[in-house]
């Protein structure tokens, strides 16, 4: 059974890279272009994990994470932040909002896949 992943990023290039990497790894990716679109896609979807950028228009990653965590159905869904940001205070803010992990762009697809398996694979605990 393949894992369903929601990937939220305002960069078409990053979304395309994520789609390719996730599909090649056997995941079923759903894509969204910002936090607002991510919440729309999430409605009715029960992904095994979520990947989100931080710096996005309309609704940034922090707001998106908080909104996801505010939904009973997604309180425990693992959320990985994938961003160019690396400041410790931003990581702490994301963790406080409910993020599970943090990966800095540019990303290594193999590292991302390993992280997803760690947080969302069989026997994983979020």
C-alpha atoms as a PDB file:
ATOM      1  CA  UNK A   1       0.000   0.000   0.000  1.00  0.00           C
ATOM      2  CA  UNK A   2       1.466   3.348  -1.008  1.00  0.00           C
ATOM      3  CA  UNK A   3       1.402   6.358   1.270  1.00  0.00           C
ATOM      4  CA  UNK A   4      -0.621   9.435   0.362  1.00  0.00           C
ATOM      5  CA  UNK A   5       1.309  12.700   0.698  1.00  0.00           C
ATOM      6  CA  UNK A   6      -0.005  16.267   0.450  1.00  0.00           C
ATOM      7  CA  UNK A   7       2.767  18.618  -0.723  1.00  0.00           C
ATOM      8  CA  UNK A   8       2.169  22.373  -0.386  1.00  0.00           C
ATOM      9  CA  UNK A   9       4.596  24.808  -2.051  1.00  0.00           C
ATOM     10  CA  UNK A  10       4.136  27.993  -4.059  1.00  0.00           C
ATOM     11  CA  UNK A  11       6.998  27.127  -6.422  1.00  0.00           C
ATOM     12  CA  UNK A  12       5.859  25.171  -9.472  1.00  0.00           C
ATOM     13  CA  UNK A  13       9.429  23.880  -9.858  1.00  0.00           C
ATOM     14  CA  UNK A  14       9.476  22.514  -6.312  1.00  0.00           C
ATOM     15  CA  UNK A  15       6.002  20.997  -6.739  1.00  0.00           C
ATOM     16  CA  UNK A  16       7.180  19.285  -9.932  1.00  0.00           C
ATOM     17  CA  UNK A  17      10.322  18.006  -8.177  1.00  0.00           C
ATOM     18  CA  UNK A  18       8.258  16.739  -5.251  1.00  0.00           C
ATOM     19  CA  UNK A  19       5.756  15.042  -7.539  1.00  0.00           C
ATOM     20  CA  UNK A  20       8.559  13.269  -9.406  1.00  0.00           C
ATOM     21  CA  UNK A  21      10.468  12.222  -6.276  1.00  0.00           C
ATOM     22  CA  UNK A  22       7.352  11.077  -4.428  1.00  0.00           C
ATOM     23  CA  UNK A  23       5.911   9.192  -7.403  1.00  0.00           C
ATOM     24  CA  UNK A  24       9.231   7.451  -8.079  1.00  0.00           C
ATOM     25  CA  UNK A  25       9.346   6.417  -4.410  1.00  0.00           C
ATOM     26  CA  UNK A  26       5.900   4.862  -4.705  1.00  0.00           C
ATOM     27  CA  UNK A  27       3.954   7.560  -2.866  1.00  0.00           C
ATOM     28  CA  UNK A  28       0.664   9.048  -4.060  1.00  0.00           C
ATOM     29  CA  UNK A  29       1.259  12.829  -4.082  1.00  0.00           C
ATOM     30  CA  UNK A  30      -1.433  15.498  -3.987  1.00  0.00           C
ATOM     31  CA  UNK A  31      -0.158  19.012  -4.712  1.00  0.00           C
ATOM     32  CA  UNK A  32      -1.229  22.476  -3.589  1.00  0.00           C
ATOM     33  CA  UNK A  33       0.207  25.897  -4.485  1.00  0.00           C
ATOM     34  CA  UNK A  34      -0.163  27.653  -1.106  1.00  0.00           C
ATOM     35  CA  UNK A  35      -1.685  27.230   2.342  1.00  0.00           C
ATOM     36  CA  UNK A  36      -5.205  28.205   1.291  1.00  0.00           C
ATOM     37  CA  UNK A  37      -5.144  25.761  -1.613  1.00  0.00           C
ATOM     38  CA  UNK A  38      -3.596  23.162   0.695  1.00  0.00           C
ATOM     39  CA  UNK A  39      -6.552  23.417   3.072  1.00  0.00           C
ATOM     40  CA  UNK A  40      -8.950  23.100   0.117  1.00  0.00           C
ATOM     41  CA  UNK A  41      -7.160  19.968  -1.124  1.00  0.00           C
ATOM     42  CA  UNK A  42      -7.007  18.579   2.419  1.00  0.00           C
ATOM     43  CA  UNK A  43     -10.794  18.807   2.777  1.00  0.00           C
ATOM     44  CA  UNK A  44     -11.981  15.216   2.459  1.00  0.00           C
ATOM     45  CA  UNK A  45      -8.421  13.872   2.126  1.00  0.00           C
ATOM     46  CA  UNK A  46      -6.679  11.791   4.778  1.00  0.00           C
ATOM     47  CA  UNK A  47      -2.998  11.905   3.797  1.00  0.00           C
ATOM     48  CA  UNK A  48      -0.408   9.814   5.598  1.00  0.00           C
ATOM     49  CA  UNK A  49       1.838  12.890   5.770  1.00  0.00           C
ATOM     50  CA  UNK A  50       2.003  16.534   4.706  1.00  0.00           C
ATOM     51  CA  UNK A  51       4.959  18.496   3.344  1.00  0.00           C
ATOM     52  CA  UNK A  52       4.749  22.290   3.458  1.00  0.00           C
ATOM     53  CA  UNK A  53       6.857  25.295   2.623  1.00  0.00           C
ATOM     54  CA  UNK A  54       6.909  28.248   5.038  1.00  0.00           C
ATOM     55  CA  UNK A  55       7.111  31.303   2.765  1.00  0.00           C
ATOM     56  CA  UNK A  56       3.952  31.266   0.642  1.00  0.00           C
ATOM     57  CA  UNK A  57       1.339  33.832  -0.420  1.00  0.00           C
ATOM     58  CA  UNK A  58      -2.221  33.943   0.965  1.00  0.00           C
ATOM     59  CA  UNK A  59      -1.463  31.607   3.897  1.00  0.00           C
ATOM     60  CA  UNK A  60       2.089  30.869   4.967  1.00  0.00           C
ATOM     61  CA  UNK A  61       3.293  27.549   6.294  1.00  0.00           C
ATOM     62  CA  UNK A  62       2.892  28.506   9.952  1.00  0.00           C
ATOM     63  CA  UNK A  63      -0.760  29.427   9.430  1.00  0.00           C
ATOM     64  CA  UNK A  64      -1.288  26.316   7.340  1.00  0.00           C
ATOM     65  CA  UNK A  65       0.189  24.054  10.038  1.00  0.00           C
ATOM     66  CA  UNK A  66      -1.939  25.706  12.727  1.00  0.00           C
ATOM     67  CA  UNK A  67      -5.081  25.315  10.587  1.00  0.00           C
ATOM     68  CA  UNK A  68      -4.301  21.639   9.928  1.00  0.00           C
ATOM     69  CA  UNK A  69      -3.699  20.987  13.624  1.00  0.00           C
ATOM     70  CA  UNK A  70      -7.027  22.667  14.382  1.00  0.00           C
ATOM     71  CA  UNK A  71      -8.852  19.914  12.503  1.00  0.00           C
ATOM     72  CA  UNK A  72      -9.622  16.787  14.533  1.00  0.00           C
ATOM     73  CA  UNK A  73      -8.988  14.545  11.532  1.00  0.00           C
ATOM     74  CA  UNK A  74      -5.428  15.855  11.128  1.00  0.00           C
ATOM     75  CA  UNK A  75      -4.189  16.475  14.672  1.00  0.00           C
ATOM     76  CA  UNK A  76      -1.749  13.559  14.409  1.00  0.00           C
ATOM     77  CA  UNK A  77      -0.896  13.699  10.687  1.00  0.00           C
ATOM     78  CA  UNK A  78       2.895  14.118  10.365  1.00  0.00           C
ATOM     79  CA  UNK A  79       3.880  17.480   8.868  1.00  0.00           C
ATOM     80  CA  UNK A  80       7.356  18.030   7.424  1.00  0.00           C
ATOM     81  CA  UNK A  81       8.448  21.589   6.695  1.00  0.00           C
ATOM     82  CA  UNK A  82      10.459  21.885   3.462  1.00  0.00           C
ATOM     83  CA  UNK A  83      11.911  25.379   3.185  1.00  0.00           C
ATOM     84  CA  UNK A  84      14.964  27.492   2.420  1.00  0.00           C
ATOM     85  CA  UNK A  85      14.811  28.842   5.976  1.00  0.00           C
ATOM     86  CA  UNK A  86      17.139  27.438   8.616  1.00  0.00           C
ATOM     87  CA  UNK A  87      16.917  29.887  11.547  1.00  0.00           C
ATOM     88  CA  UNK A  88      16.457  28.108  14.899  1.00  0.00           C
ATOM     89  CA  UNK A  89      13.677  30.494  15.936  1.00  0.00           C
ATOM     90  CA  UNK A  90      11.677  29.585  12.807  1.00  0.00           C
ATOM     91  CA  UNK A  91      12.157  25.885  13.490  1.00  0.00           C
ATOM     92  CA  UNK A  92      10.950  26.429  17.054  1.00  0.00           C
ATOM     93  CA  UNK A  93       7.937  28.377  15.786  1.00  0.00           C
ATOM     94  CA  UNK A  94       7.071  25.574  13.353  1.00  0.00           C
ATOM     95  CA  UNK A  95       7.388  22.942  16.087  1.00  0.00           C
ATOM     96  CA  UNK A  96       5.155  25.052  18.354  1.00  0.00           C
ATOM     97  CA  UNK A  97       2.582  25.233  15.537  1.00  0.00           C
ATOM     98  CA  UNK A  98       2.661  21.445  15.223  1.00  0.00           C
ATOM     99  CA  UNK A  99       5.343  20.539  12.666  1.00  0.00           C
ATOM    100  CA  UNK A 100       6.878  17.084  12.986  1.00  0.00           C
ATOM    101  CA  UNK A 101      10.172  17.765  11.188  1.00  0.00           C
ATOM    102  CA  UNK A 102      12.201  20.253   9.119  1.00  0.00           C
ATOM    103  CA  UNK A 103      14.146  19.801   5.872  1.00  0.00           C
ATOM    104  CA  UNK A 104      16.104  22.609   4.231  1.00  0.00           C
ATOM    105  CA  UNK A 105      15.982  23.239   0.462  1.00  0.00           C
ATOM    106  CA  UNK A 106      17.554  22.346  -1.810  1.00  0.00           C
ATOM    107  CA  UNK A 107      16.466  18.896  -0.723  1.00  0.00           C
ATOM    108  CA  UNK A 108      17.871  15.464  -1.392  1.00  0.00           C
ATOM    109  CA  UNK A 109      14.938  13.350  -2.640  1.00  0.00           C
ATOM    110  CA  UNK A 110      16.309  10.225  -0.928  1.00  0.00           C
ATOM    111  CA  UNK A 111      16.552  12.066   2.402  1.00  0.00           C
ATOM    112  CA  UNK A 112      12.989  13.339   2.021  1.00  0.00           C
ATOM    113  CA  UNK A 113      11.709   9.833   1.249  1.00  0.00           C
ATOM    114  CA  UNK A 114      13.544   8.435   4.296  1.00  0.00           C
ATOM    115  CA  UNK A 115      12.039  11.164   6.481  1.00  0.00           C
ATOM    116  CA  UNK A 116       8.549  10.400   5.178  1.00  0.00           C
ATOM    117  CA  UNK A 117       9.006   6.701   5.871  1.00  0.00           C
ATOM    118  CA  UNK A 118      10.198   7.538   9.392  1.00  0.00           C
ATOM    119  CA  UNK A 119       7.178   9.712  10.231  1.00  0.00           C
ATOM    120  CA  UNK A 120       4.434   8.064   8.177  1.00  0.00           C
ATOM    121  CA  UNK A 121       5.524   4.569   7.255  1.00  0.00           C
ATOM    122  CA  UNK A 122       4.309   1.327   8.813  1.00  0.00           C
ATOM    123  CA  UNK A 123       4.813   1.441  12.568  1.00  0.00           C
ATOM    124  CA  UNK A 124       5.704   5.152  12.542  1.00  0.00           C
ATOM    125  CA  UNK A 125       4.649   7.317  15.427  1.00  0.00           C
ATOM    126  CA  UNK A 126       3.953  10.972  14.821  1.00  0.00           C
END
